[in-house]
All heavy atoms as atom14 arrays in JSON, in Angstrom:
{
  "sequence": "IGVGGNFISAAATGSIVAGINAGTGVVETTGFDKLGKTTDVHPDTHF",
  "atom14_mask": [
    [1, 1, 1, 1, 1, 1, 1, 1, 0, 0, 0, 0, 0, 0],
    [1, 1, 1, 1, 0, 0, 0, 0, 0, 0, 0, 0, 0, 0],
    [1, 1, 1, 1, 1, 1, 1, 0, 0, 0, 0, 0, 0, 0],
    [1, 1, 1, 1, 0, 0, 0, 0, 0, 0, 0, 0, 0, 0],
    [1, 1, 1, 1, 0, 0, 0, 0, 0, 0, 0, 0, 0, 0],
    [1, 1, 1, 1, 1, 1, 1, 1, 0, 0, 0, 0, 0, 0],
    [1, 1, 1, 1, 1, 1, 1, 1, 1, 1, 1, 0, 0, 0],
    [1, 1, 1, 1, 1, 1, 1, 1, 0, 0, 0, 0, 0, 0],
    [1, 1, 1, 1, 1, 1, 0, 0, 0, 0, 0, 0, 0, 0],
    [1, 1, 1, 1, 1, 0, 0, 0, 0, 0, 0, 0, 0, 0],
    [1, 1, 1, 1, 1, 0, 0, 0, 0, 0, 0, 0, 0, 0],
    [1, 1, 1, 1, 1, 0, 0, 0, 0, 0, 0, 0, 0, 0],
    [1, 1, 1, 1, 1, 1, 1, 0, 0, 0, 0, 0, 0, 0],
    [1, 1, 1, 1, 0, 0, 0, 0, 0, 0, 0, 0, 0, 0],
    [1, 1, 1, 1, 1, 1, 0, 0, 0, 0, 0, 0, 0, 0],
    [1, 1, 1, 1, 1, 1, 1, 1, 0, 0, 0, 0, 0, 0],
    [1, 1, 1, 1, 1, 1, 1, 0, 0, 0, 0, 0, 0, 0],
    [1, 1, 1, 1, 1, 0, 0, 0, 0, 0, 0, 0, 0, 0],
    [1, 1, 1, 1, 0, 0, 0, 0, 0, 0, 0, 0, 0, 0],
    [1, 1, 1, 1, 1, 1, 1, 1, 0, 0, 0, 0, 0, 0],
    [1, 1, 1, 1, 1, 1, 1, 1, 0, 0, 0, 0, 0, 0],
    [1, 1, 1, 1, 1, 0, 0, 0, 0, 0, 0, 0, 0, 0],
    [1, 1, 1, 1, 0, 0, 0, 0, 0, 0, 0, 0, 0, 0],
    [1, 1, 1, 1, 1, 1, 1, 0, 0, 0, 0, 0, 0, 0],
    [1, 1, 1, 1, 0, 0, 0, 0, 0, 0, 0, 0, 0, 0],
    [1, 1, 1, 1, 1, 1, 1, 0, 0, 0, 0, 0, 0, 0],
    [1, 1, 1, 1, 1, 1, 1, 0, 0, 0, 0, 0, 0, 0],
    [1, 1, 1, 1, 1, 1, 1, 1, 1, 0, 0, 0, 0, 0],
    [1, 1, 1, 1, 1, 1, 1, 0, 0, 0, 0, 0, 0, 0],
    [1, 1, 1, 1, 1, 1, 1, 0, 0, 0, 0, 0, 0, 0],
    [1, 1, 1, 1, 0, 0, 0, 0, 0, 0, 0, 0, 0, 0],
    [1, 1, 1, 1, 1, 1, 1, 1, 1, 1, 1, 0, 0, 0],
    [1, 1, 1, 1, 1, 1, 1, 1, 0, 0, 0, 0, 0, 0],
    [1, 1, 1, 1, 1, 1, 1, 1, 1, 0, 0, 0, 0, 0],
    [1, 1, 1, 1, 1, 1, 1, 1, 0, 0, 0, 0, 0, 0],
    [1, 1, 1, 1, 0, 0, 0, 0, 0, 0, 0, 0, 0, 0],
    [1, 1, 1, 1, 1, 1, 1, 1, 1, 0, 0, 0, 0, 0],
    [1, 1, 1, 1, 1, 1, 1, 0, 0, 0, 0, 0, 0, 0],
    [1, 1, 1, 1, 1, 1, 1, 0, 0, 0, 0, 0, 0, 0],
    [1, 1, 1, 1, 1, 1, 1, 1, 0, 0, 0, 0, 0, 0],
    [1, 1, 1, 1, 1, 1, 1, 0, 0, 0, 0, 0, 0, 0],
    [1, 1, 1, 1, 1, 1, 1, 1, 1, 1, 0, 0, 0, 0],
    [1, 1, 1, 1, 1, 1, 1, 0, 0, 0, 0, 0, 0, 0],
    [1, 1, 1, 1, 1, 1, 1, 1, 0, 0, 0, 0, 0, 0],
    [1, 1, 1, 1, 1, 1, 1, 0, 0, 0, 0, 0, 0, 0],
    [1, 1, 1, 1, 1, 1, 1, 1, 1, 1, 0, 0, 0, 0],
    [1, 1, 1, 1, 1, 1, 1, 1, 1, 1, 1, 0, 0, 0]
  ],
  "atom14_positions": [
    [[-142.77, -34.31, 77.68], [-142.43, -33.03, 78.29], [-142.1, -32.03, 77.19], [-141.25, -32.29, 76.34], [-141.23, -33.17, 79.24], [-141.44, -34.31, 80.25], [-140.97, -31.86, 79.98], [-140.2, -34.67, 81.04], [0.0, 0.0, 0.0], [0.0, 0.0, 0.0], [0.0, 0.0, 0.0], [0.0, 0.0, 0.0], [0.0, 0.0, 0.0], [0.0, 0.0, 0.0]],
    [[-142.76, -30.88, 77.22], [-142.51, -29.85, 76.23], [-141.11, -29.27, 76.35], [-140.43, -29.43, 77.37], [0.0, 0.0, 0.0], [0.0, 0.0, 0.0], [0.0, 0.0, 0.0], [0.0, 0.0, 0.0], [0.0, 0.0, 0.0], [0.0, 0.0, 0.0], [0.0, 0.0, 0.0], [0.0, 0.0, 0.0], [0.0, 0.0, 0.0], [0.0, 0.0, 0.0]],
    [[-140.66, -28.59, 75.31], [-139.34, -27.95, 75.3], [-139.43, -26.58, 74.63], [-140.36, -26.3, 73.87], [-138.3, -28.82, 74.55], [-138.05, -30.13, 75.26], [-138.73, -29.08, 73.11], [0.0, 0.0, 0.0], [0.0, 0.0, 0.0], [0.0, 0.0, 0.0], [0.0, 0.0, 0.0], [0.0, 0.0, 0.0], [0.0, 0.0, 0.0], [0.0, 0.0, 0.0]],
    [[-138.46, -25.75, 74.94], [-138.31, -24.48, 74.24], [-139.45, -23.51, 74.38], [-139.65, -22.65, 73.53], [0.0, 0.0, 0.0], [0.0, 0.0, 0.0], [0.0, 0.0, 0.0], [0.0, 0.0, 0.0], [0.0, 0.0, 0.0], [0.0, 0.0, 0.0], [0.0, 0.0, 0.0], [0.0, 0.0, 0.0], [0.0, 0.0, 0.0], [0.0, 0.0, 0.0]],
    [[-140.24, -23.64, 75.45], [-141.37, -22.74, 75.64], [-142.59, -23.1, 74.82], [-143.59, -22.38, 74.86], [0.0, 0.0, 0.0], [0.0, 0.0, 0.0], [0.0, 0.0, 0.0], [0.0, 0.0, 0.0], [0.0, 0.0, 0.0], [0.0, 0.0, 0.0], [0.0, 0.0, 0.0], [0.0, 0.0, 0.0], [0.0, 0.0, 0.0], [0.0, 0.0, 0.0]],
    [[-142.53, -24.19, 74.08], [-143.68, -24.61, 73.27], [-144.82, -25.08, 74.17], [-144.6, -25.75, 75.18], [-143.28, -25.74, 72.31], [-142.33, -25.27, 71.24], [-142.41, -24.13, 70.79], [-141.41, -26.13, 70.83], [0.0, 0.0, 0.0], [0.0, 0.0, 0.0], [0.0, 0.0, 0.0], [0.0, 0.0, 0.0], [0.0, 0.0, 0.0], [0.0, 0.0, 0.0]],
    [[-146.03, -24.77, 73.76], [-147.21, -25.12, 74.55], [-147.54, -26.61, 74.48], [-147.93, -27.22, 75.47], [-148.41, -24.3, 74.06], [-149.74, -24.76, 74.61], [-150.02, -24.65, 75.96], [-150.69, -25.32, 73.77], [-151.24, -25.09, 76.46], [-151.91, -25.75, 74.26], [-152.18, -25.64, 75.62], [0.0, 0.0, 0.0], [0.0, 0.0, 0.0], [0.0, 0.0, 0.0]],
    [[-147.37, -27.21, 73.3], [-147.78, -28.59, 73.1], [-146.68, -29.55, 73.54], [-145.5, -29.34, 73.26], [-148.12, -28.83, 71.61], [-149.28, -27.94, 71.2], [-148.45, -30.3, 71.36], [-149.56, -27.96, 69.71], [0.0, 0.0, 0.0], [0.0, 0.0, 0.0], [0.0, 0.0, 0.0], [0.0, 0.0, 0.0], [0.0, 0.0, 0.0], [0.0, 0.0, 0.0]],
    [[-147.08, -30.61, 74.23], [-146.14, -31.69, 74.55], [-146.63, -32.94, 73.83], [-147.62, -33.55, 74.22], [-146.07, -31.94, 76.07], [-147.28, -32.48, 76.56], [0.0, 0.0, 0.0], [0.0, 0.0, 0.0], [0.0, 0.0, 0.0], [0.0, 0.0, 0.0], [0.0, 0.0, 0.0], [0.0, 0.0, 0.0], [0.0, 0.0, 0.0], [0.0, 0.0, 0.0]],
    [[-145.95, -33.28, 72.76], [-146.29, -34.47, 71.99], [-145.06, -34.89, 71.22], [-144.28, -34.03, 70.77], [-147.45, -34.2, 71.03], [0.0, 0.0, 0.0], [0.0, 0.0, 0.0], [0.0, 0.0, 0.0], [0.0, 0.0, 0.0], [0.0, 0.0, 0.0], [0.0, 0.0, 0.0], [0.0, 0.0, 0.0], [0.0, 0.0, 0.0], [0.0, 0.0, 0.0]],
    [[-144.88, -36.2, 71.07], [-143.7, -36.69, 70.37], [-143.62, -36.12, 68.96], [-142.54, -35.81, 68.45], [-143.72, -38.22, 70.33], [0.0, 0.0, 0.0], [0.0, 0.0, 0.0], [0.0, 0.0, 0.0], [0.0, 0.0, 0.0], [0.0, 0.0, 0.0], [0.0, 0.0, 0.0], [0.0, 0.0, 0.0], [0.0, 0.0, 0.0], [0.0, 0.0, 0.0]],
    [[-144.78, -35.95, 68.31], [-144.81, -35.48, 66.93], [-144.35, -34.04, 66.78], [-143.96, -33.62, 65.69], [-146.22, -35.63, 66.36], [0.0, 0.0, 0.0], [0.0, 0.0, 0.0], [0.0, 0.0, 0.0], [0.0, 0.0, 0.0], [0.0, 0.0, 0.0], [0.0, 0.0, 0.0], [0.0, 0.0, 0.0], [0.0, 0.0, 0.0], [0.0, 0.0, 0.0]],
    [[-144.38, -33.26, 67.88], [-144.02, -31.85, 67.79], [-142.65, -31.55, 68.39], [-142.28, -30.39, 68.54], [-145.08, -31.0, 68.52], [-145.13, -31.39, 69.91], [-146.44, -31.18, 67.89], [0.0, 0.0, 0.0], [0.0, 0.0, 0.0], [0.0, 0.0, 0.0], [0.0, 0.0, 0.0], [0.0, 0.0, 0.0], [0.0, 0.0, 0.0], [0.0, 0.0, 0.0]],
    [[-141.88, -32.59, 68.71], [-140.52, -32.37, 69.16], [-140.32, -32.38, 70.66], [-139.24, -32.02, 71.15], [0.0, 0.0, 0.0], [0.0, 0.0, 0.0], [0.0, 0.0, 0.0], [0.0, 0.0, 0.0], [0.0, 0.0, 0.0], [0.0, 0.0, 0.0], [0.0, 0.0, 0.0], [0.0, 0.0, 0.0], [0.0, 0.0, 0.0], [0.0, 0.0, 0.0]],
    [[-141.31, -32.78, 71.42], [-141.15, -32.85, 72.87], [-140.2, -33.97, 73.26], [-139.86, -34.84, 72.45], [-142.51, -33.1, 73.53], [-143.39, -32.03, 73.26], [0.0, 0.0, 0.0], [0.0, 0.0, 0.0], [0.0, 0.0, 0.0], [0.0, 0.0, 0.0], [0.0, 0.0, 0.0], [0.0, 0.0, 0.0], [0.0, 0.0, 0.0], [0.0, 0.0, 0.0]],
    [[-139.8, -33.97, 74.5], [-138.98, -35.05, 75.03], [-139.9, -36.15, 75.53], [-140.88, -35.89, 76.23], [-138.08, -34.54, 76.19], [-137.03, -33.58, 75.63], [-137.43, -35.7, 76.93], [-136.21, -32.91, 76.7], [0.0, 0.0, 0.0], [0.0, 0.0, 0.0], [0.0, 0.0, 0.0], [0.0, 0.0, 0.0], [0.0, 0.0, 0.0], [0.0, 0.0, 0.0]],
    [[-139.6, -37.38, 75.18], [-140.34, -38.53, 75.68], [-139.38, -39.45, 76.42], [-138.21, -39.55, 76.06], [-141.05, -39.3, 74.53], [-142.1, -38.44, 73.87], [-140.05, -39.81, 73.5], [0.0, 0.0, 0.0], [0.0, 0.0, 0.0], [0.0, 0.0, 0.0], [0.0, 0.0, 0.0], [0.0, 0.0, 0.0], [0.0, 0.0, 0.0], [0.0, 0.0, 0.0]],
    [[-139.89, -40.08, 77.47], [-139.05, -40.99, 78.26], [-139.93, -42.07, 78.86], [-141.06, -41.81, 79.28], [-138.3, -40.22, 79.36], [0.0, 0.0, 0.0], [0.0, 0.0, 0.0], [0.0, 0.0, 0.0], [0.0, 0.0, 0.0], [0.0, 0.0, 0.0], [0.0, 0.0, 0.0], [0.0, 0.0, 0.0], [0.0, 0.0, 0.0], [0.0, 0.0, 0.0]],
    [[-139.41, -43.27, 78.92], [-140.18, -44.42, 79.38], [-140.36, -44.46, 80.88], [-139.44, -44.13, 81.65], [0.0, 0.0, 0.0], [0.0, 0.0, 0.0], [0.0, 0.0, 0.0], [0.0, 0.0, 0.0], [0.0, 0.0, 0.0], [0.0, 0.0, 0.0], [0.0, 0.0, 0.0], [0.0, 0.0, 0.0], [0.0, 0.0, 0.0], [0.0, 0.0, 0.0]],
    [[-141.56, -44.86, 81.29], [-141.91, -44.97, 82.71], [-142.0, -46.44, 83.09], [-142.6, -47.24, 82.36], [-143.26, -44.29, 83.0], [-143.25, -42.83, 82.56], [-143.63, -44.4, 84.48], [-144.62, -42.17, 82.57], [0.0, 0.0, 0.0], [0.0, 0.0, 0.0], [0.0, 0.0, 0.0], [0.0, 0.0, 0.0], [0.0, 0.0, 0.0], [0.0, 0.0, 0.0]],
    [[-141.43, -46.8, 84.21], [-141.57, -48.16, 84.72], [-143.03, -48.36, 85.13], [-143.54, -47.65, 86.0], [-140.64, -48.39, 85.91], [-140.69, -49.82, 86.41], [-141.7, -50.27, 86.97], [-139.6, -50.54, 86.24], [0.0, 0.0, 0.0], [0.0, 0.0, 0.0], [0.0, 0.0, 0.0], [0.0, 0.0, 0.0], [0.0, 0.0, 0.0], [0.0, 0.0, 0.0]],
    [[-143.7, -49.31, 84.5], [-145.14, -49.48, 84.73], [-145.45, -49.92, 86.15], [-146.55, -49.7, 86.65], [-145.7, -50.51, 83.74], [0.0, 0.0, 0.0], [0.0, 0.0, 0.0], [0.0, 0.0, 0.0], [0.0, 0.0, 0.0], [0.0, 0.0, 0.0], [0.0, 0.0, 0.0], [0.0, 0.0, 0.0], [0.0, 0.0, 0.0], [0.0, 0.0, 0.0]],
    [[-144.5, -50.52, 86.82], [-144.74, -50.97, 88.19], [-144.52, -49.9, 89.25], [-145.25, -49.85, 90.24], [0.0, 0.0, 0.0], [0.0, 0.0, 0.0], [0.0, 0.0, 0.0], [0.0, 0.0, 0.0], [0.0, 0.0, 0.0], [0.0, 0.0, 0.0], [0.0, 0.0, 0.0], [0.0, 0.0, 0.0], [0.0, 0.0, 0.0], [0.0, 0.0, 0.0]],
    [[-143.54, -49.01, 89.02], [-143.17, -48.04, 90.04], [-143.6, -46.61, 89.73], [-143.69, -45.77, 90.64], [-141.64, -48.04, 90.25], [-141.01, -47.57, 89.04], [-141.15, -49.45, 90.58], [0.0, 0.0, 0.0], [0.0, 0.0, 0.0], [0.0, 0.0, 0.0], [0.0, 0.0, 0.0], [0.0, 0.0, 0.0], [0.0, 0.0, 0.0], [0.0, 0.0, 0.0]],
    [[-143.83, -46.29, 88.45], [-144.15, -44.92, 88.08], [-142.95, -44.0, 88.03], [-143.09, -42.78, 88.01], [0.0, 0.0, 0.0], [0.0, 0.0, 0.0], [0.0, 0.0, 0.0], [0.0, 0.0, 0.0], [0.0, 0.0, 0.0], [0.0, 0.0, 0.0], [0.0, 0.0, 0.0], [0.0, 0.0, 0.0], [0.0, 0.0, 0.0], [0.0, 0.0, 0.0]],
    [[-141.76, -44.58, 87.99], [-140.52, -43.8, 87.93], [-139.97, -43.87, 86.5], [-139.92, -44.94, 85.9], [-139.47, -44.33, 88.92], [-138.16, -43.57, 88.78], [-140.0, -44.23, 90.35], [0.0, 0.0, 0.0], [0.0, 0.0, 0.0], [0.0, 0.0, 0.0], [0.0, 0.0, 0.0], [0.0, 0.0, 0.0], [0.0, 0.0, 0.0], [0.0, 0.0, 0.0]],
    [[-139.57, -42.73, 85.97], [-138.98, -42.69, 84.63], [-137.68, -43.49, 84.65], [-136.8, -43.24, 85.47], [-138.73, -41.25, 84.18], [-137.99, -41.23, 82.84], [-140.05, -40.49, 84.06], [0.0, 0.0, 0.0], [0.0, 0.0, 0.0], [0.0, 0.0, 0.0], [0.0, 0.0, 0.0], [0.0, 0.0, 0.0], [0.0, 0.0, 0.0], [0.0, 0.0, 0.0]],
    [[-137.57, -44.45, 83.74], [-136.45, -45.39, 83.78], [-135.52, -45.3, 82.58], [-134.56, -46.06, 82.48], [-136.97, -46.83, 83.89], [-137.83, -47.28, 82.73], [-138.34, -48.71, 82.88], [-137.98, -49.37, 83.88], [-139.09, -49.16, 82.0], [0.0, 0.0, 0.0], [0.0, 0.0, 0.0], [0.0, 0.0, 0.0], [0.0, 0.0, 0.0], [0.0, 0.0, 0.0]],
    [[-135.78, -44.36, 81.67], [-134.9, -44.2, 80.52], [-134.43, -42.75, 80.42], [-134.96, -41.86, 81.08], [-135.61, -44.57, 79.2], [-136.54, -43.52, 78.85], [-136.36, -45.89, 79.32], [0.0, 0.0, 0.0], [0.0, 0.0, 0.0], [0.0, 0.0, 0.0], [0.0, 0.0, 0.0], [0.0, 0.0, 0.0], [0.0, 0.0, 0.0], [0.0, 0.0, 0.0]],
    [[-133.47, -42.54, 79.58], [-133.09, -41.17, 79.24], [-134.17, -40.57, 78.37], [-135.11, -41.25, 77.95], [-131.73, -41.18, 78.49], [-131.25, -39.84, 78.36], [-131.85, -41.82, 77.12], [0.0, 0.0, 0.0], [0.0, 0.0, 0.0], [0.0, 0.0, 0.0], [0.0, 0.0, 0.0], [0.0, 0.0, 0.0], [0.0, 0.0, 0.0], [0.0, 0.0, 0.0]],
    [[-134.07, -39.29, 78.07], [-135.05, -38.64, 77.22], [-134.7, -38.76, 75.75], [-133.52, -38.84, 75.39], [0.0, 0.0, 0.0], [0.0, 0.0, 0.0], [0.0, 0.0, 0.0], [0.0, 0.0, 0.0], [0.0, 0.0, 0.0], [0.0, 0.0, 0.0], [0.0, 0.0, 0.0], [0.0, 0.0, 0.0], [0.0, 0.0, 0.0], [0.0, 0.0, 0.0]],
    [[-135.72, -38.78, 74.89], [-135.53, -38.84, 73.45], [-136.38, -37.75, 72.8], [-137.47, -37.44, 73.26], [-135.99, -40.2, 72.89], [-135.13, -41.36, 73.31], [-135.3, -41.96, 74.55], [-134.16, -41.86, 72.46], [-134.52, -43.04, 74.94], [-133.37, -42.94, 72.84], [-133.56, -43.53, 74.08], [0.0, 0.0, 0.0], [0.0, 0.0, 0.0], [0.0, 0.0, 0.0]],
    [[-135.87, -37.21, 71.68], [-136.71, -36.33, 70.88], [-137.16, -37.07, 69.63], [-136.83, -38.25, 69.43], [-135.99, -35.01, 70.54], [-134.8, -35.2, 69.6], [-134.67, -36.28, 68.98], [-133.99, -34.26, 69.48], [0.0, 0.0, 0.0], [0.0, 0.0, 0.0], [0.0, 0.0, 0.0], [0.0, 0.0, 0.0], [0.0, 0.0, 0.0], [0.0, 0.0, 0.0]],
    [[-137.93, -36.41, 68.76], [-138.52, -37.1, 67.62], [-137.5, -37.55, 66.59], [-137.81, -38.37, 65.72], [-139.55, -36.19, 66.96], [-138.99, -34.93, 66.32], [-140.1, -34.1, 65.7], [-139.56, -32.81, 65.09], [-140.65, -31.99, 64.51], [0.0, 0.0, 0.0], [0.0, 0.0, 0.0], [0.0, 0.0, 0.0], [0.0, 0.0, 0.0], [0.0, 0.0, 0.0]],
    [[-136.28, -37.02, 66.69], [-135.23, -37.45, 65.77], [-134.45, -38.65, 66.29], [-133.59, -39.17, 65.6], [-134.27, -36.29, 65.5], [-134.88, -35.04, 64.86], [-133.85, -33.94, 64.77], [-135.43, -35.37, 63.49], [0.0, 0.0, 0.0], [0.0, 0.0, 0.0], [0.0, 0.0, 0.0], [0.0, 0.0, 0.0], [0.0, 0.0, 0.0], [0.0, 0.0, 0.0]],
    [[-134.77, -39.06, 67.53], [-134.05, -40.17, 68.12], [-132.83, -39.73, 68.91], [-132.09, -40.58, 69.44], [0.0, 0.0, 0.0], [0.0, 0.0, 0.0], [0.0, 0.0, 0.0], [0.0, 0.0, 0.0], [0.0, 0.0, 0.0], [0.0, 0.0, 0.0], [0.0, 0.0, 0.0], [0.0, 0.0, 0.0], [0.0, 0.0, 0.0], [0.0, 0.0, 0.0]],
    [[-132.59, -38.44, 69.03], [-131.45, -37.95, 69.81], [-131.78, -38.05, 71.3], [-132.92, -37.82, 71.72], [-131.14, -36.5, 69.44], [-130.67, -36.32, 68.0], [-130.34, -34.87, 67.71], [-129.14, -34.39, 68.48], [-128.77, -32.99, 68.13], [0.0, 0.0, 0.0], [0.0, 0.0, 0.0], [0.0, 0.0, 0.0], [0.0, 0.0, 0.0], [0.0, 0.0, 0.0]],
    [[-130.8, -38.39, 72.08], [-131.01, -38.59, 73.51], [-130.56, -37.38, 74.32], [-129.7, -36.6, 73.89], [-130.23, -39.83, 74.01], [-128.81, -39.6, 73.83], [-130.65, -41.07, 73.24], [0.0, 0.0, 0.0], [0.0, 0.0, 0.0], [0.0, 0.0, 0.0], [0.0, 0.0, 0.0], [0.0, 0.0, 0.0], [0.0, 0.0, 0.0], [0.0, 0.0, 0.0]],
    [[-131.15, -37.23, 75.5], [-130.74, -36.19, 76.42], [-130.96, -36.68, 77.85], [-131.99, -37.27, 78.16], [-131.52, -34.88, 76.17], [-131.1, -33.9, 77.13], [-133.02, -35.08, 76.32], [0.0, 0.0, 0.0], [0.0, 0.0, 0.0], [0.0, 0.0, 0.0], [0.0, 0.0, 0.0], [0.0, 0.0, 0.0], [0.0, 0.0, 0.0], [0.0, 0.0, 0.0]],
    [[-130.0, -36.46, 78.69], [-130.12, -36.87, 80.09], [-130.81, -35.8, 80.93], [-131.43, -36.11, 81.94], [-128.73, -37.15, 80.69], [-128.05, -38.35, 80.05], [-128.76, -39.32, 79.74], [-126.82, -38.3, 79.86], [0.0, 0.0, 0.0], [0.0, 0.0, 0.0], [0.0, 0.0, 0.0], [0.0, 0.0, 0.0], [0.0, 0.0, 0.0], [0.0, 0.0, 0.0]],
    [[-130.67, -34.54, 80.5], [-131.17, -33.41, 81.27], [-132.08, -32.56, 80.37], [-131.75, -32.32, 79.2], [-130.0, -32.56, 81.81], [-130.52, -31.34, 82.56], [-129.11, -33.4, 82.72], [0.0, 0.0, 0.0], [0.0, 0.0, 0.0], [0.0, 0.0, 0.0], [0.0, 0.0, 0.0], [0.0, 0.0, 0.0], [0.0, 0.0, 0.0], [0.0, 0.0, 0.0]],
    [[-133.19, -32.09, 80.93], [-134.07, -31.22, 80.16], [-133.33, -29.94, 79.8], [-132.75, -29.29, 80.67], [-135.34, -30.89, 80.95], [-136.42, -30.27, 80.13], [-136.36, -28.96, 79.7], [-137.58, -30.77, 79.63], [-137.44, -28.68, 79.0], [-138.2, -29.76, 78.93], [0.0, 0.0, 0.0], [0.0, 0.0, 0.0], [0.0, 0.0, 0.0], [0.0, 0.0, 0.0]],
    [[-133.34, -29.52, 78.53], [-132.54, -28.37, 78.11], [-132.98, -27.04, 78.7], [-132.18, -26.09, 78.74], [-132.71, -28.37, 76.59], [-133.99, -29.09, 76.34], [-134.07, -30.14, 77.41], [0.0, 0.0, 0.0], [0.0, 0.0, 0.0], [0.0, 0.0, 0.0], [0.0, 0.0, 0.0], [0.0, 0.0, 0.0], [0.0, 0.0, 0.0], [0.0, 0.0, 0.0]],
    [[-134.22, -26.93, 79.16], [-134.74, -25.66, 79.67], [-134.8, -25.64, 81.2], [-134.35, -24.68, 81.83], [-136.13, -25.39, 79.1], [-136.14, -25.41, 77.58], [-135.31, -24.72, 76.97], [-136.96, -26.15, 77.0], [0.0, 0.0, 0.0], [0.0, 0.0, 0.0], [0.0, 0.0, 0.0], [0.0, 0.0, 0.0], [0.0, 0.0, 0.0], [0.0, 0.0, 0.0]],
    [[-135.38, -26.67, 81.79], [-135.58, -26.68, 83.24], [-134.5, -27.44, 83.98], [-134.45, -27.41, 85.21], [-136.96, -27.3, 83.57], [-137.05, -28.6, 83.0], [-138.08, -26.42, 83.02], [0.0, 0.0, 0.0], [0.0, 0.0, 0.0], [0.0, 0.0, 0.0], [0.0, 0.0, 0.0], [0.0, 0.0, 0.0], [0.0, 0.0, 0.0], [0.0, 0.0, 0.0]],
    [[-133.63, -28.14, 83.25], [-132.45, -28.81, 83.79], [-132.76, -29.94, 84.75], [-131.91, -30.32, 85.57], [-131.52, -27.77, 84.46], [-131.22, -26.59, 83.58], [-130.55, -26.7, 82.37], [-131.54, -25.27, 83.71], [-130.46, -25.51, 81.81], [-131.06, -24.63, 82.59], [0.0, 0.0, 0.0], [0.0, 0.0, 0.0], [0.0, 0.0, 0.0], [0.0, 0.0, 0.0]],
    [[-133.97, -30.5, 84.66], [-134.28, -31.7, 85.42], [-133.56, -32.89, 84.81], [-133.48, -33.02, 83.58], [-135.79, -31.97, 85.41], [-136.55, -31.22, 86.45], [-137.17, -30.01, 86.14], [-136.66, -31.71, 87.74], [-137.88, -29.3, 87.1], [-137.37, -31.01, 88.7], [-137.98, -29.81, 88.39], [0.0, 0.0, 0.0], [0.0, 0.0, 0.0], [0.0, 0.0, 0.0]]
  ]
}
């Protein structure tokens, strides 16, 4: 998921990544950025 209005969503460019349960399709982890910092809520859209 992109952040900060950036067009690209990719781990290499600082987007938020979060693991999906392969069986259910539900995100099952908190979010991480490329530095390894965690976030529970998207900083822009507050999901």
